[in-house]
């Protein structure tokens, strides 16, 4: 955890091409942060600003 316990970092994900289909691809490093009443998943610079999930 980083940022005072409000952020979880994930490194680059590499696809095992021998075990997956063509739709899967490597991903940039990403992270989750607590943001107000929700969670923000920043999926890396190649995929835009990410996704925000708000508590229902």
Protein backbone atom coordinates (compact mmCIF):
# COMPACT_ATOMS: atom_id res chain seq x y z
CA UNK A 1 0.00 0.00 0.00
CA UNK A 2 1.17 3.51 -0.73
CA UNK A 3 -0.02 7.07 -0.13
CA UNK A 4 -0.83 6.60 3.55
CA UNK A 5 -2.77 3.39 2.94
CA UNK A 6 -5.10 4.86 0.29
CA UNK A 7 -3.42 3.43 -2.80
CA UNK A 8 -2.60 -0.08 -4.06
CA UNK A 9 -0.06 -0.28 -6.91
CA UNK A 10 0.02 -3.05 -9.53
CA UNK A 11 2.93 -3.63 -11.88
CA UNK A 12 2.84 -4.43 -15.58
CA UNK A 13 0.78 -7.52 -16.41
CA UNK A 14 2.23 -9.81 -19.06
CA UNK A 15 -0.11 -12.22 -20.87
CA UNK A 16 0.85 -15.89 -21.09
CA UNK A 17 0.07 -16.28 -24.80
CA UNK A 18 0.26 -20.09 -24.58
CA UNK A 19 -2.72 -20.08 -22.17
CA UNK A 20 -4.89 -17.20 -23.41
CA UNK A 21 -6.84 -16.05 -26.42
CA UNK A 22 -6.01 -13.26 -28.82
CA UNK A 23 -8.20 -10.75 -26.98
CA UNK A 24 -5.80 -10.61 -24.01
CA UNK A 25 -2.86 -8.23 -24.05
CA UNK A 26 -0.14 -6.90 -21.78
CA UNK A 27 -1.17 -3.97 -19.58
CA UNK A 28 0.53 -0.90 -18.16
CA UNK A 29 1.18 -0.58 -14.44
CA UNK A 30 -2.01 0.56 -12.71
CA UNK A 31 -3.31 1.47 -9.26
CA UNK A 32 -6.44 1.73 -7.13
CA UNK A 33 -7.05 4.72 -4.85
CA UNK A 34 -9.77 5.54 -2.33
CA UNK A 35 -11.50 8.66 -3.65
CA UNK A 36 -14.29 10.08 -1.49
CA UNK A 37 -17.05 7.48 -1.32
CA UNK A 38 -15.64 5.39 -4.16
CA UNK A 39 -12.60 3.72 -5.62
CA UNK A 40 -10.67 4.93 -8.66
CA UNK A 41 -8.86 2.37 -10.83
CA UNK A 42 -6.26 4.14 -12.95
CA UNK A 43 -5.50 1.67 -15.73
CA UNK A 44 -2.40 3.41 -17.07
CA UNK A 45 -1.61 6.07 -19.64
CA UNK A 46 -2.32 3.90 -22.69
CA UNK A 47 -5.95 3.39 -21.63
CA UNK A 48 -7.17 6.83 -20.58
CA UNK A 49 -7.83 8.13 -17.09
CA UNK A 50 -9.33 4.96 -15.64
CA UNK A 51 -12.59 3.89 -14.08
CA UNK A 52 -14.37 5.20 -11.01
CA UNK A 53 -16.58 2.92 -8.89
CA UNK A 54 -18.86 4.65 -6.39
CA UNK A 55 -20.34 3.01 -3.34
CA UNK A 56 -24.06 2.41 -3.87
